[in-house]
Amino acid sequence: MLPEGARFCPSCGAPASSAPTERRLVTSLFCDLVGSTNLAEQVDAEVLTALMTEYRGLFRQAVERNGGTVASFAGDGGVALFGLPSAHEDDALHGNGVCSEGL
């Protein structure tokens, strides 16, 4: 937090309008679907698309149920953040809840 009336950050010299106002710890979780390459070689594209859609839905439900936010999906993986937009004292443990659900 900048001192009242400061036009520049006393630490880095950045203008007050771009000086950081808050820092928080965020826990990130990357989830990768094991065996998806092998699966893609064995099933039709339509079947794989349906399975991936279901997987992403289950991932999103598990993340949100444990207080997280899905940041992105890419290929057969997903990234979730815990501590955004609201932080909890035990955000790191919330990610463990997703993992233990055994998607």
Protein backbone atom coordinates (compact mmCIF):
# COMPACT_ATOMS: atom_id res chain seq x y z
CA MET A 1 0.00 0.00 0.00
CA LEU A 2 1.31 3.43 -0.93
CA PRO A 3 1.58 6.26 1.58
CA GLU A 4 -1.28 8.74 1.29
CA GLY A 5 -0.67 11.28 -1.45
CA ALA A 6 2.28 9.36 -2.96
CA ARG A 7 2.63 9.75 -6.72
CA PHE A 8 5.27 7.01 -7.03
CA CYS A 9 5.95 3.68 -5.34
CA PRO A 10 8.73 4.17 -2.76
CA SER A 11 10.11 0.65 -3.50
CA CYS A 12 10.22 0.47 -7.29
CA GLY A 13 9.52 4.01 -8.48
CA ALA A 14 6.51 3.02 -10.58
CA PRO A 15 3.77 5.64 -10.97
CA ALA A 16 1.09 5.26 -8.32
CA SER A 17 -1.51 4.31 -10.91
CA SER A 18 0.41 1.14 -11.86
CA ALA A 19 1.90 0.27 -8.45
CA PRO A 20 0.74 -3.11 -7.10
CA THR A 21 -1.99 -2.71 -4.48
CA GLU A 22 -2.39 -6.28 -3.26
CA ARG A 23 -0.51 -9.55 -3.26
CA ARG A 24 -2.00 -12.92 -2.48
CA LEU A 25 -0.98 -16.52 -2.57
CA VAL A 26 -2.69 -18.62 -5.21
CA THR A 27 -2.55 -22.39 -5.46
CA SER A 28 -2.66 -23.83 -8.95
CA LEU A 29 -3.57 -27.36 -9.93
CA PHE A 30 -2.82 -28.95 -13.30
CA CYS A 31 -4.82 -32.03 -14.19
CA ASP A 32 -3.82 -34.26 -17.10
CA LEU A 33 -5.94 -37.12 -18.39
CA VAL A 34 -3.71 -40.20 -18.24
CA GLY A 35 -3.87 -42.45 -21.29
CA SER A 36 -5.69 -39.99 -23.53
CA THR A 37 -3.27 -40.43 -26.45
CA ASN A 38 -3.80 -44.18 -26.43
CA LEU A 39 -7.54 -43.67 -26.09
CA ALA A 40 -7.57 -41.26 -29.06
CA GLU A 41 -5.99 -43.97 -31.22
CA GLN A 42 -8.70 -46.47 -30.30
CA VAL A 43 -11.96 -44.52 -30.57
CA ASP A 44 -13.67 -42.31 -33.15
CA ALA A 45 -13.23 -38.55 -32.95
CA GLU A 46 -16.87 -38.06 -31.99
CA VAL A 47 -16.55 -40.48 -29.07
CA LEU A 48 -13.34 -38.81 -27.89
CA THR A 49 -14.97 -35.38 -28.10
CA ALA A 50 -17.92 -36.56 -26.01
CA LEU A 51 -15.59 -38.11 -23.40
CA MET A 52 -13.46 -34.94 -23.21
CA THR A 53 -16.57 -32.80 -22.78
CA GLU A 54 -17.74 -35.01 -19.92
CA TYR A 55 -14.24 -35.03 -18.35
CA ARG A 56 -14.06 -31.23 -18.48
CA GLY A 57 -17.49 -30.94 -16.91
CA LEU A 58 -16.54 -33.27 -14.07
CA PHE A 59 -13.26 -31.40 -13.57
CA ARG A 60 -15.09 -28.05 -13.41
CA GLN A 61 -17.65 -29.42 -10.92
CA ALA A 62 -14.93 -30.85 -8.66
CA VAL A 63 -12.90 -27.64 -8.76
CA GLU A 64 -15.87 -25.38 -8.03
CA ARG A 65 -17.17 -27.72 -5.31
CA ASN A 66 -13.79 -27.30 -3.59
CA GLY A 67 -13.77 -23.50 -3.86
CA GLY A 68 -11.61 -23.11 -6.96
CA THR A 69 -11.89 -21.57 -10.40
CA VAL A 70 -11.07 -23.27 -13.68
CA ALA A 71 -8.49 -21.10 -15.42
CA SER A 72 -8.20 -23.01 -18.70
CA PHE A 73 -8.41 -26.24 -20.61
CA ALA A 74 -5.85 -27.27 -23.22
CA GLY A 75 -5.84 -30.61 -24.95
CA ASP A 76 -6.45 -33.23 -22.29
CA GLY A 77 -5.42 -31.02 -19.36
CA GLY A 78 -7.02 -28.45 -17.15
CA VAL A 79 -5.70 -25.75 -14.85
CA ALA A 80 -7.53 -24.70 -11.70
CA LEU A 81 -6.75 -21.86 -9.31
CA PHE A 82 -7.54 -21.76 -5.61
CA GLY A 83 -7.37 -18.38 -3.89
CA LEU A 84 -8.97 -16.46 -6.77
CA PRO A 85 -11.28 -14.60 -6.78
CA SER A 86 -11.60 -15.12 -3.03
CA ALA A 87 -8.89 -16.46 -0.75
CA HIS A 88 -9.20 -18.97 2.10
CA GLU A 89 -6.68 -19.89 4.76
CA ASP A 90 -6.50 -23.46 3.45
CA ASP A 91 -6.62 -22.96 -0.35
CA ALA A 92 -3.77 -25.42 -0.91
CA LEU A 93 -5.84 -28.14 0.75
CA HIS A 94 -8.83 -27.41 -1.49
CA GLY A 95 -6.80 -28.56 -4.52
CA ASN A 96 -6.14 -31.83 -2.72
CA GLY A 97 -9.90 -32.32 -2.49
CA VAL A 98 -10.14 -32.24 -6.29
CA CYS A 99 -7.33 -34.77 -6.66
CA SER A 100 -8.85 -37.13 -4.11
CA GLU A 101 -12.15 -37.23 -5.99
CA GLY A 102 -10.45 -39.42 -8.59
CA LEU A 103 -11.57 -37.89 -11.82
